[in-house]
Amino acid sequence: MYSNMKRSESTEQMALIDWCNVNRCVYPELDLIYKISNEGKRSVHQGKKFKREGLKKGVPDLCLPVPSGIYHGLYIELKYGNGITSKEQKEWIKKLNDQGYKAVVCNGFEEARDTIKEYLDNKKVI
């Protein structure tokens, strides 16, 4: 997949988005998945500006704004290897689940792919 790149959260997410793009013919809803740009180092000035624009620490990495079963949409916090979920990420996941979303932490591309497939297959059953 990304043979000359060291596997990381970033490469796992790229692989997941590649899978989503290829599988839109099976799951047209995948056209709606998007990345929430919430990470990265910023200057103090940029950080303050982004906070005023609505940036919130801990928001999950990906959103699929498609209802399925009892859920309003799916949020995925993608980790890889020894990635640790922060306190803020855990809080966001709990709050999103409390609001009727399915919000999960997935370790790697395969777990995230399987989570999406199960989520969307559940939509077709109901």
Foldseek 3Di string as FASTA:
>chain_A
DPVVDDDFLVVLVVVLLVVLVVCCVVVVLSVQKDFDPQDDDDDPVVVVVVVVVPRDPQFATMWRQPDFDQARTEGEREGEDPDDRDPSVVVNCVVRVVVRHHYYYAYGNVRVNVVVVVRVVRRVVD
